[in-house]
Amino acid sequence: RDGNRATVALTFEVSDDPGGCADADLDGFEAAACGGDDCDDG
């Protein structure tokens, strides 16, 4: 709100063989659909 600005750039890979599931909600637990223990990965 003071007019200060910051920008960062990220890159990531998209592959047909990613080697596992991503932790969509960033809580450190893999989704149950991928064999993990997180019943709500959102």
Full PDB file with SEQRES, HELIX, SHEET, SSBOND, CRYST1, ORIGX, SCALE, CONECT and MASTER records, all heavy atoms in Angstrom:
SEQRES   1 A   42  ARG ASP GLY ASN ARG ALA THR VAL ALA LEU THR PHE GLU          
SEQRES   2 A   42  VAL SER ASP ASP PRO GLY GLY CYS ALA ASP ALA ASP LEU          
SEQRES   3 A   42  ASP GLY PHE GLU ALA ALA ALA CYS GLY GLY ASP ASP CYS          
SEQRES   4 A   42  ASP ASP GLY                                                  
HELIX    1 AA1 ALA A   32  CYS A   34  5                                   3    
SSBOND   1 CYS A   21    CYS A   34                          1555   1555  1.67  
CRYST1    1.000    1.000    1.000  90.00  90.00  90.00 P 1           1          
ORIGX1      1.000000  0.000000  0.000000        0.00000                         
ORIGX2      0.000000  1.000000  0.000000        0.00000                         
ORIGX3      0.000000  0.000000  1.000000        0.00000                         
SCALE1      1.000000  0.000000  0.000000        0.00000                         
SCALE2      0.000000  1.000000  0.000000        0.00000                         
SCALE3      0.000000  0.000000  1.000000        0.00000                         
ATOM      1  N   ARG A   1       0.810  -1.227   0.000  1.00  0.00           N  
ATOM      2  CA  ARG A   1       0.000   0.000   0.000  1.00  0.00           C  
ATOM      3  C   ARG A   1       0.839   1.272   0.000  1.00  0.00           C  
ATOM      4  O   ARG A   1       0.322   2.357  -0.207  1.00  0.00           O  
ATOM      5  CB  ARG A   1      -0.954  -0.021   1.188  1.00  0.00           C  
ATOM      6  CG  ARG A   1      -1.971  -1.138   1.023  1.00  0.00           C  
ATOM      7  CD  ARG A   1      -2.978  -1.137   2.139  1.00  0.00           C  
ATOM      8  NE  ARG A   1      -3.933  -2.205   1.914  1.00  0.00           N  
ATOM      9  CZ  ARG A   1      -5.218  -2.006   1.651  1.00  0.00           C  
ATOM     10  NH1 ARG A   1      -5.701  -0.804   1.614  1.00  0.00           N  
ATOM     11  NH2 ARG A   1      -6.009  -3.031   1.461  1.00  0.00           N  
ATOM     12  N   ASP A   2       2.160   1.134   0.221  1.00  0.00           N  
ATOM     13  CA  ASP A   2       3.051   2.295   0.185  1.00  0.00           C  
ATOM     14  C   ASP A   2       3.725   2.465  -1.173  1.00  0.00           C  
ATOM     15  O   ASP A   2       4.601   3.310  -1.330  1.00  0.00           O  
ATOM     16  CB  ASP A   2       4.125   2.163   1.270  1.00  0.00           C  
ATOM     17  CG  ASP A   2       3.538   2.184   2.670  1.00  0.00           C  
ATOM     18  OD1 ASP A   2       2.538   2.903   2.881  1.00  0.00           O  
ATOM     19  OD2 ASP A   2       4.081   1.477   3.540  1.00  0.00           O  
ATOM     20  N   GLY A   3       3.354   1.629  -2.138  1.00  0.00           N  
ATOM     21  CA  GLY A   3       3.933   1.724  -3.472  1.00  0.00           C  
ATOM     22  C   GLY A   3       5.192   0.906  -3.672  1.00  0.00           C  
ATOM     23  O   GLY A   3       5.828   0.997  -4.722  1.00  0.00           O  
ATOM     24  N   ASN A   4       5.595   0.111  -2.690  1.00  0.00           N  
ATOM     25  CA  ASN A   4       6.756  -0.757  -2.839  1.00  0.00           C  
ATOM     26  C   ASN A   4       6.353  -1.997  -3.639  1.00  0.00           C  
ATOM     27  O   ASN A   4       5.245  -2.501  -3.488  1.00  0.00           O  
ATOM     28  CB  ASN A   4       7.300  -1.176  -1.475  1.00  0.00           C  
ATOM     29  CG  ASN A   4       7.744   0.021  -0.669  1.00  0.00           C  
ATOM     30  OD1 ASN A   4       8.540   0.818  -1.135  1.00  0.00           O  
ATOM     31  ND2 ASN A   4       7.219   0.149   0.535  1.00  0.00           N  
ATOM     32  N   ARG A   5       7.273  -2.487  -4.449  1.00  0.00           N  
ATOM     33  CA  ARG A   5       6.985  -3.619  -5.319  1.00  0.00           C  
ATOM     34  C   ARG A   5       8.119  -4.641  -5.235  1.00  0.00           C  
ATOM     35  O   ARG A   5       9.277  -4.262  -5.118  1.00  0.00           O  
ATOM     36  CB  ARG A   5       6.857  -3.132  -6.750  1.00  0.00           C  
ATOM     37  CG  ARG A   5       6.674  -4.216  -7.779  1.00  0.00           C  
ATOM     38  CD  ARG A   5       6.600  -3.660  -9.178  1.00  0.00           C  
ATOM     39  NE  ARG A   5       5.466  -2.754  -9.263  1.00  0.00           N  
ATOM     40  CZ  ARG A   5       5.336  -1.807 -10.168  1.00  0.00           C  
ATOM     41  NH1 ARG A   5       6.263  -1.624 -11.079  1.00  0.00           N  
ATOM     42  NH2 ARG A   5       4.278  -1.029 -10.179  1.00  0.00           N  
ATOM     43  N   ALA A   6       7.757  -5.911  -5.321  1.00  0.00           N  
ATOM     44  CA  ALA A   6       8.756  -6.980  -5.385  1.00  0.00           C  
ATOM     45  C   ALA A   6       8.246  -8.049  -6.351  1.00  0.00           C  
ATOM     46  O   ALA A   6       7.045  -8.323  -6.412  1.00  0.00           O  
ATOM     47  CB  ALA A   6       9.001  -7.585  -4.011  1.00  0.00           C  
ATOM     48  N   THR A   7       9.173  -8.626  -7.116  1.00  0.00           N  
ATOM     49  CA  THR A   7       8.836  -9.661  -8.086  1.00  0.00           C  
ATOM     50  C   THR A   7       9.883 -10.767  -8.003  1.00  0.00           C  
ATOM     51  O   THR A   7      11.075 -10.476  -7.876  1.00  0.00           O  
ATOM     52  CB  THR A   7       8.830  -9.091  -9.521  1.00  0.00           C  
ATOM     53  OG1 THR A   7       7.920  -7.998  -9.580  1.00  0.00           O  
ATOM     54  CG2 THR A   7       8.427 -10.140 -10.535  1.00  0.00           C  
ATOM     55  N   VAL A   8       9.437 -12.017  -8.076  1.00  0.00           N  
ATOM     56  CA  VAL A   8      10.359 -13.148  -8.181  1.00  0.00           C  
ATOM     57  C   VAL A   8       9.882 -14.064  -9.302  1.00  0.00           C  
ATOM     58  O   VAL A   8       8.694 -14.117  -9.617  1.00  0.00           O  
ATOM     59  CB  VAL A   8      10.496 -13.966  -6.871  1.00  0.00           C  
ATOM     60  CG1 VAL A   8      11.116 -13.146  -5.777  1.00  0.00           C  
ATOM     61  CG2 VAL A   8       9.179 -14.534  -6.435  1.00  0.00           C  
ATOM     62  N   ALA A   9      10.828 -14.755  -9.900  1.00  0.00           N  
ATOM     63  CA  ALA A   9      10.529 -15.711 -10.970  1.00  0.00           C  
ATOM     64  C   ALA A   9      10.890 -17.110 -10.489  1.00  0.00           C  
ATOM     65  O   ALA A   9      11.904 -17.304  -9.812  1.00  0.00           O  
ATOM     66  CB  ALA A   9      11.326 -15.359 -12.218  1.00  0.00           C  
ATOM     67  N   LEU A  10      10.049 -18.067 -10.837  1.00  0.00           N  
ATOM     68  CA  LEU A  10      10.255 -19.468 -10.477  1.00  0.00           C  
ATOM     69  C   LEU A  10      10.215 -20.312 -11.739  1.00  0.00           C  
ATOM     70  O   LEU A  10       9.581 -19.927 -12.719  1.00  0.00           O  
ATOM     71  CB  LEU A  10       9.132 -19.958  -9.560  1.00  0.00           C  
ATOM     72  CG  LEU A  10       8.882 -19.192  -8.275  1.00  0.00           C  
ATOM     73  CD1 LEU A  10       7.538 -19.584  -7.693  1.00  0.00           C  
ATOM     74  CD2 LEU A  10       9.982 -19.514  -7.302  1.00  0.00           C  
ATOM     75  N   THR A  11      10.848 -21.474 -11.707  1.00  0.00           N  
ATOM     76  CA  THR A  11      10.682 -22.442 -12.780  1.00  0.00           C  
ATOM     77  C   THR A  11      10.371 -23.788 -12.165  1.00  0.00           C  
ATOM     78  O   THR A  11      10.725 -24.067 -11.009  1.00  0.00           O  
ATOM     79  CB  THR A  11      11.948 -22.580 -13.654  1.00  0.00           C  
ATOM     80  OG1 THR A  11      13.040 -22.987 -12.842  1.00  0.00           O  
ATOM     81  CG2 THR A  11      12.274 -21.284 -14.365  1.00  0.00           C  
ATOM     82  N   PHE A  12       9.674 -24.623 -12.922  1.00  0.00           N  
ATOM     83  CA  PHE A  12       9.398 -25.996 -12.509  1.00  0.00           C  
ATOM     84  C   PHE A  12       9.273 -26.846 -13.759  1.00  0.00           C  
ATOM     85  O   PHE A  12       9.085 -26.327 -14.862  1.00  0.00           O  
ATOM     86  CB  PHE A  12       8.141 -26.085 -11.626  1.00  0.00           C  
ATOM     87  CG  PHE A  12       6.891 -25.541 -12.260  1.00  0.00           C  
ATOM     88  CD1 PHE A  12       6.067 -26.352 -13.034  1.00  0.00           C  
ATOM     89  CD2 PHE A  12       6.529 -24.211 -12.079  1.00  0.00           C  
ATOM     90  CE1 PHE A  12       4.916 -25.847 -13.611  1.00  0.00           C  
ATOM     91  CE2 PHE A  12       5.373 -23.698 -12.652  1.00  0.00           C  
ATOM     92  CZ  PHE A  12       4.556 -24.521 -13.422  1.00  0.00           C  
ATOM     93  N   GLU A  13       9.420 -28.132 -13.588  1.00  0.00           N  
ATOM     94  CA  GLU A  13       9.363 -29.061 -14.708  1.00  0.00           C  
ATOM     95  C   GLU A  13       8.005 -29.754 -14.755  1.00  0.00           C  
ATOM     96  O   GLU A  13       7.422 -30.064 -13.709  1.00  0.00           O  
ATOM     97  CB  GLU A  13      10.454 -30.131 -14.587  1.00  0.00           C  
ATOM     98  CG  GLU A  13      11.856 -29.597 -14.678  1.00  0.00           C  
ATOM     99  CD  GLU A  13      12.177 -29.008 -16.039  1.00  0.00           C  
ATOM    100  OE1 GLU A  13      11.802 -29.605 -17.065  1.00  0.00           O  
ATOM    101  OE2 GLU A  13      12.805 -27.937 -16.077  1.00  0.00           O  
ATOM    102  N   VAL A  14       7.525 -29.997 -15.964  1.00  0.00           N  
ATOM    103  CA  VAL A  14       6.349 -30.828 -16.181  1.00  0.00           C  
ATOM    104  C   VAL A  14       6.832 -32.009 -17.013  1.00  0.00           C  
ATOM    105  O   VAL A  14       7.439 -31.832 -18.069  1.00  0.00           O  
ATOM    106  CB  VAL A  14       5.221 -30.056 -16.900  1.00  0.00           C  
ATOM    107  CG1 VAL A  14       4.050 -30.989 -17.194  1.00  0.00           C  
ATOM    108  CG2 VAL A  14       4.761 -28.881 -16.047  1.00  0.00           C  
ATOM    109  N   SER A  15       6.593 -33.201 -16.473  1.00  0.00           N  
ATOM    110  CA  SER A  15       7.110 -34.418 -17.093  1.00  0.00           C  
ATOM    111  C   SER A  15       6.038 -35.495 -17.091  1.00  0.00           C  
ATOM    112  O   SER A  15       5.196 -35.544 -16.190  1.00  0.00           O  
ATOM    113  CB  SER A  15       8.340 -34.898 -16.302  1.00  0.00           C  
ATOM    114  OG  SER A  15       8.749 -36.175 -16.732  1.00  0.00           O  
ATOM    115  N   ASP A  16       6.095 -36.363 -18.080  1.00  0.00           N  
ATOM    116  CA  ASP A  16       5.178 -37.508 -18.112  1.00  0.00           C  
ATOM    117  C   ASP A  16       5.512 -38.516 -17.024  1.00  0.00           C  
ATOM    118  O   ASP A  16       4.706 -39.380 -16.702  1.00  0.00           O  
ATOM    119  CB  ASP A  16       5.218 -38.192 -19.483  1.00  0.00           C  
ATOM    120  CG  ASP A  16       4.598 -37.328 -20.553  1.00  0.00           C  
ATOM    121  OD1 ASP A  16       3.642 -36.584 -20.248  1.00  0.00           O  
ATOM    122  OD2 ASP A  16       5.080 -37.383 -21.706  1.00  0.00           O  
ATOM    123  N   ASP A  17       6.710 -38.420 -16.435  1.00  0.00           N  
ATOM    124  CA  ASP A  17       7.137 -39.318 -15.363  1.00  0.00           C  
ATOM    125  C   ASP A  17       7.721 -38.486 -14.225  1.00  0.00           C  
ATOM    126  O   ASP A  17       8.939 -38.387 -14.065  1.00  0.00           O  
ATOM    127  CB  ASP A  17       8.187 -40.304 -15.878  1.00  0.00           C  
ATOM    128  CG  ASP A  17       8.603 -41.304 -14.821  1.00  0.00           C  
ATOM    129  OD1 ASP A  17       7.848 -41.525 -13.849  1.00  0.00           O  
ATOM    130  OD2 ASP A  17       9.711 -41.869 -14.959  1.00  0.00           O  
ATOM    131  N   PRO A  18       6.845 -37.839 -13.412  1.00  0.00           N  
ATOM    132  CA  PRO A  18       7.342 -36.928 -12.382  1.00  0.00           C  
ATOM    133  C   PRO A  18       7.936 -37.613 -11.159  1.00  0.00           C  
ATOM    134  O   PRO A  18       8.512 -36.959 -10.312  1.00  0.00           O  
ATOM    135  CB  PRO A  18       6.105 -36.116 -11.994  1.00  0.00           C  
ATOM    136  CG  PRO A  18       4.981 -37.055 -12.238  1.00  0.00           C  
ATOM    137  CD  PRO A  18       5.398 -37.874 -13.443  1.00  0.00           C  
ATOM    138  N   GLY A  19       7.730 -38.907 -10.990  1.00  0.00           N  
ATOM    139  CA  GLY A  19       8.340 -39.612  -9.868  1.00  0.00           C  
ATOM    140  C   GLY A  19       7.655 -39.372  -8.539  1.00  0.00           C  
ATOM    141  O   GLY A  19       8.301 -39.265  -7.519  1.00  0.00           O  
ATOM    142  N   GLY A  20       6.356 -39.289  -8.504  1.00  0.00           N  
ATOM    143  CA  GLY A  20       5.634 -39.149  -7.245  1.00  0.00           C  
ATOM    144  C   GLY A  20       4.599 -38.047  -7.308  1.00  0.00           C  
ATOM    145  O   GLY A  20       4.429 -37.393  -8.309  1.00  0.00           O  
ATOM    146  N   CYS A  21       3.902 -37.868  -6.220  1.00  0.00           N  
ATOM    147  CA  CYS A  21       2.842 -36.868  -6.147  1.00  0.00           C  
ATOM    148  C   CYS A  21       3.349 -35.607  -5.451  1.00  0.00           C  
ATOM    149  O   CYS A  21       4.198 -35.675  -4.574  1.00  0.00           O  
ATOM    150  CB  CYS A  21       1.659 -37.408  -5.343  1.00  0.00           C  
ATOM    151  SG  CYS A  21       0.755 -38.695  -6.199  1.00  0.00           S  
ATOM    152  N   ALA A  22       2.779 -34.510  -5.827  1.00  0.00           N  
ATOM    153  CA  ALA A  22       3.103 -33.239  -5.174  1.00  0.00           C  
ATOM    154  C   ALA A  22       2.236 -33.072  -3.931  1.00  0.00           C  
ATOM    155  O   ALA A  22       1.131 -33.591  -3.857  1.00  0.00           O  
ATOM    156  CB  ALA A  22       2.850 -32.099  -6.138  1.00  0.00           C  
ATOM    157  N   ASP A  23       2.758 -32.358  -2.943  1.00  0.00           N  
ATOM    158  CA  ASP A  23       2.010 -32.024  -1.732  1.00  0.00           C  
ATOM    159  C   ASP A  23       1.281 -30.711  -2.001  1.00  0.00           C  
ATOM    160  O   ASP A  23       1.828 -29.638  -1.820  1.00  0.00           O  
ATOM    161  CB  ASP A  23       2.983 -31.893  -0.565  1.00  0.00           C  
ATOM    162  CG  ASP A  23       2.330 -31.456   0.727  1.00  0.00           C  
ATOM    163  OD1 ASP A  23       1.098 -31.556   0.838  1.00  0.00           O  
ATOM    164  OD2 ASP A  23       3.052 -31.015   1.626  1.00  0.00           O  
ATOM    165  N   ALA A  24       0.033 -30.796  -2.469  1.00  0.00           N  
ATOM    166  CA  ALA A  24      -0.700 -29.625  -2.958  1.00  0.00           C  
ATOM    167  C   ALA A  24      -0.910 -28.552  -1.903  1.00  0.00           C  
ATOM    168  O   ALA A  24      -0.907 -27.370  -2.207  1.00  0.00           O  
ATOM    169  CB  ALA A  24      -2.040 -30.047  -3.555  1.00  0.00           C  
ATOM    170  N   ASP A  25      -1.116 -28.924  -0.633  1.00  0.00           N  
ATOM    171  CA  ASP A  25      -1.389 -27.905   0.389  1.00  0.00           C  
ATOM    172  C   ASP A  25      -0.154 -27.535   1.210  1.00  0.00           C  
ATOM    173  O   ASP A  25      -0.238 -26.769   2.164  1.00  0.00           O  
ATOM    174  CB  ASP A  25      -2.542 -28.338   1.298  1.00  0.00           C  
ATOM    175  CG  ASP A  25      -2.272 -29.637   2.051  1.00  0.00           C  
ATOM    176  OD1 ASP A  25      -1.119 -30.145   2.018  1.00  0.00           O  
ATOM    177  OD2 ASP A  25      -3.215 -30.148   2.670  1.00  0.00           O  
ATOM    178  N   LEU A  26       0.997 -28.074   0.839  1.00  0.00           N  
ATOM    179  CA  LEU A  26       2.285 -27.720   1.451  1.00  0.00           C  
ATOM    180  C   LEU A  26       2.364 -28.009   2.952  1.00  0.00           C  
ATOM    181  O   LEU A  26       3.091 -27.345   3.666  1.00  0.00           O  
ATOM    182  CB  LEU A  26       2.613 -26.244   1.190  1.00  0.00           C  
ATOM    183  CG  LEU A  26       2.627 -25.803  -0.266  1.00  0.00           C  
ATOM    184  CD1 LEU A  26       2.802 -24.288  -0.347  1.00  0.00           C  
ATOM    185  CD2 LEU A  26       3.712 -26.512  -1.039  1.00  0.00           C  
ATOM    186  N   ASP A  27       1.630 -29.040   3.413  1.00  0.00           N  
ATOM    187  CA  ASP A  27       1.684 -29.353   4.842  1.00  0.00           C  
ATOM    188  C   ASP A  27       2.684 -30.451   5.177  1.00  0.00           C  
ATOM    189  O   ASP A  27       2.842 -30.828   6.333  1.00  0.00           O  
ATOM    190  CB  ASP A  27       0.295 -29.713   5.379  1.00  0.00           C  
ATOM    191  CG  ASP A  27      -0.273 -30.998   4.774  1.00  0.00           C  
ATOM    192  OD1 ASP A  27       0.385 -31.630   3.925  1.00  0.00           O  
ATOM    193  OD2 ASP A  27      -1.400 -31.366   5.157  1.00  0.00           O  
ATOM    194  N   GLY A  28       3.389 -30.973   4.165  1.00  0.00           N  
ATOM    195  CA  GLY A  28       4.404 -31.988   4.407  1.00  0.00           C  
ATOM    196  C   GLY A  28       3.890 -33.415   4.355  1.00  0.00           C  
ATOM    197  O   GLY A  28       4.640 -34.351   4.620  1.00  0.00           O  
ATOM    198  N   PHE A  29       2.621 -33.618   4.003  1.00  0.00           N  
ATOM    199  CA  PHE A  29       2.029 -34.947   3.935  1.00  0.00           C  
ATOM    200  C   PHE A  29       1.486 -35.193   2.532  1.00  0.00           C  
ATOM    201  O   PHE A  29       0.796 -34.349   1.964  1.00  0.00           O  
ATOM    202  CB  PHE A  29       0.907 -35.103   4.969  1.00  0.00           C  
ATOM    203  CG  PHE A  29       1.397 -35.019   6.381  1.00  0.00           C  
ATOM    204  CD1 PHE A  29       1.452 -33.796   7.035  1.00  0.00           C  
ATOM    205  CD2 PHE A  29       1.828 -36.150   7.051  1.00  0.00           C  
ATOM    206  CE1 PHE A  29       1.910 -33.698   8.328  1.00  0.00           C  
ATOM    207  CE2 PHE A  29       2.299 -36.058   8.356  1.00  0.00           C  
ATOM    208  CZ  PHE A  29       2.345 -34.839   8.995  1.00  0.00           C  
ATOM    209  N   GLU A  30       1.791 -36.372   1.980  1.00  0.00           N  
ATOM    210  CA  GLU A  30       1.346 -36.725   0.634  1.00  0.00           C  
ATOM    211  C   GLU A  30      -0.122 -37.121   0.636  1.00  0.00           C  
ATOM    212  O   GLU A  30      -0.626 -37.703   1.592  1.00  0.00           O  
ATOM    213  CB  GLU A  30       2.204 -37.884   0.119  1.00  0.00           C  
ATOM    214  CG  GLU A  30       2.022 -38.162  -1.350  1.00  0.00           C  
ATOM    215  CD  GLU A  30       3.002 -39.206  -1.838  1.00  0.00           C  
ATOM    216  OE1 GLU A  30       2.740 -40.405  -1.621  1.00  0.00           O  
ATOM    217  OE2 GLU A  30       4.017 -38.809  -2.446  1.00  0.00           O  
ATOM    218  N   ALA A  31      -0.815 -36.825  -0.460  1.00  0.00           N  
ATOM    219  CA  ALA A  31      -2.243 -37.123  -0.603  1.00  0.00           C  
ATOM    220  C   ALA A  31      -2.511 -38.625  -0.500  1.00  0.00           C  
ATOM    221  O   ALA A  31      -1.713 -39.446  -0.947  1.00  0.00           O  
ATOM    222  CB  ALA A  31      -2.747 -36.600  -1.936  1.00  0.00           C  
ATOM    223  N   ALA A  32      -3.650 -38.971   0.066  1.00  0.00           N  
ATOM    224  CA  ALA A  32      -4.064 -40.372   0.183  1.00  0.00           C  
ATOM    225  C   ALA A  32      -4.160 -41.015  -1.196  1.00  0.00           C  
ATOM    226  O   ALA A  32      -3.849 -42.200  -1.361  1.00  0.00           O  
ATOM    227  CB  ALA A  32      -5.385 -40.466   0.929  1.00  0.00           C  
ATOM    228  N   ALA A  33      -4.567 -40.251  -2.208  1.00  0.00           N  
ATOM    229  CA  ALA A  33      -4.694 -40.778  -3.566  1.00  0.00           C  
ATOM    230  C   ALA A  33      -3.352 -41.228  -4.136  1.00  0.00           C  
ATOM    231  O   ALA A  33      -3.307 -42.008  -5.079  1.00  0.00           O  
ATOM    232  CB  ALA A  33      -5.316 -39.721  -4.469  1.00  0.00           C  
ATOM    233  N   CYS A  34      -2.259 -40.749  -3.549  1.00  0.00           N  
ATOM    234  CA  CYS A  34      -0.916 -41.115  -4.013  1.00  0.00           C  
ATOM    235  C   CYS A  34      -0.247 -42.088  -3.046  1.00  0.00           C  
ATOM    236  O   CYS A  34       0.962 -42.291  -3.105  1.00  0.00           O  
ATOM    237  CB  CYS A  34      -0.057 -39.861  -4.137  1.00  0.00           C  
ATOM    238  SG  CYS A  34      -0.681 -38.693  -5.342  1.00  0.00           S  
ATOM    239  N   GLY A  35      -1.029 -42.639  -2.129  1.00  0.00           N  
ATOM    240  CA  GLY A  35      -0.469 -43.581  -1.163  1.00  0.00           C  
ATOM    241  C   GLY A  35      -0.040 -42.939   0.140  1.00  0.00           C  
ATOM    242  O   GLY A  35       0.502 -43.608   1.009  1.00  0.00           O  
ATOM    243  N   GLY A  36      -0.288 -41.637   0.303  1.00  0.00           N  
ATOM    244  CA  GLY A  36       0.101 -40.937   1.530  1.00  0.00           C  
ATOM    245  C   GLY A  36      -0.991 -40.982   2.583  1.00  0.00           C  
ATOM    246  O   GLY A  36      -1.988 -41.714   2.457  1.00  0.00           O  
ATOM    247  N   ASP A  37      -0.826 -40.171   3.628  1.00  0.00           N  
ATOM    248  CA  ASP A  37      -1.739 -40.164   4.773  1.00  0.00           C  
ATOM    249  C   ASP A  37      -2.664 -38.957   4.816  1.00  0.00           C  
ATOM    250  O   ASP A  37      -3.486 -38.852   5.718  1.00  0.00           O  
ATOM    251  CB  ASP A  37      -0.931 -40.166   6.086  1.00  0.00           C  
ATOM    252  CG  ASP A  37      -0.074 -41.406   6.235  1.00  0.00           C  
ATOM    253  OD1 ASP A  37      -0.385 -42.422   5.593  1.00  0.00           O  
ATOM    254  OD2 ASP A  37       0.919 -41.345   6.992  1.00  0.00           O  
ATOM    255  N   ASP A  38      -2.516 -38.002   3.886  1.00  0.00           N  
ATOM    256  CA  ASP A  38      -3.288 -36.763   3.929  1.00  0.00           C  
ATOM    257  C   ASP A  38      -4.638 -36.971   3.232  1.00  0.00           C  
ATOM    258  O   ASP A  38      -4.707 -37.106   2.009  1.00  0.00           O  
ATOM    259  CB  ASP A  38      -2.518 -35.634   3.247  1.00  0.00           C  
ATOM    260  CG  ASP A  38      -3.062 -34.253   3.579  1.00  0.00           C  
ATOM    261  OD1 ASP A  38      -4.213 -34.166   4.033  1.00  0.00           O  
ATOM    262  OD2 ASP A  38      -2.325 -33.277   3.374  1.00  0.00           O  
ATOM    263  N   CYS A  39      -5.712 -36.989   4.018  1.00  0.00           N  
ATOM    264  CA  CYS A  39      -7.038 -37.248   3.442  1.00  0.00           C  
ATOM    265  C   CYS A  39      -7.634 -36.013   2.773  1.00  0.00           C  
ATOM    266  O   CYS A  39      -8.628 -36.127   2.056  1.00  0.00           O  
ATOM    267  CB  CYS A  39      -7.986 -37.792   4.501  1.00  0.00           C  
ATOM    268  SG  CYS A  39      -8.305 -36.644   5.850  1.00  0.00           S  
ATOM    269  N   ASP A  40      -7.044 -34.815   2.976  1.00  0.00           N  
ATOM    270  CA  ASP A  40      -7.514 -33.608   2.307  1.00  0.00           C  
ATOM    271  C   ASP A  40      -6.288 -32.782   1.921  1.00  0.00           C  
ATOM    272  O   ASP A  40      -5.826 -31.929   2.689  1.00  0.00           O  
ATOM    273  CB  ASP A  40      -8.444 -32.795   3.214  1.00  0.00           C  
ATOM    274  CG  ASP A  40      -9.044 -31.578   2.514  1.00  0.00           C  
ATOM    275  OD1 ASP A  40      -8.605 -31.242   1.396  1.00  0.00           O  
ATOM    276  OD2 ASP A  40      -9.952 -30.963   3.093  1.00  0.00           O  
ATOM    277  N   ASP A  41      -5.752 -33.038   0.721  1.00  0.00           N  
ATOM    278  CA  ASP A  41      -4.527 -32.377   0.294  1.00  0.00           C  
ATOM    279  C   ASP A  41      -4.780 -30.967  -0.227  1.00  0.00           C  
ATOM    280  O   ASP A  41      -3.901 -30.335  -0.778  1.00  0.00           O  
ATOM    281  CB  ASP A  41      -3.807 -33.214  -0.772  1.00  0.00           C  
ATOM    282  CG  ASP A  41      -2.316 -32.945  -0.791  1.00  0.00           C  
ATOM    283  OD1 ASP A  41      -1.747 -32.618   0.269  1.00  0.00           O  
ATOM    284  OD2 ASP A  41      -1.717 -33.042  -1.878  1.00  0.00           O  
ATOM    285  N   GLY A  42      -5.977 -30.448  -0.013  1.00  0.00           N  
ATOM    286  CA  GLY A  42      -6.284 -29.074  -0.382  1.00  0.00           C  
ATOM    287  C   GLY A  42      -6.347 -28.150   0.821  1.00  0.00           C  
ATOM    288  O   GLY A  42      -6.565 -26.958   0.695  1.00  0.00           O  
TER     289      GLY A  42                                                      
CONECT  151  238                                                                
CONECT  238  151                                                                
MASTER        0    0    0    1    0    0    0    6  288    1    2    4          
END                                                                             
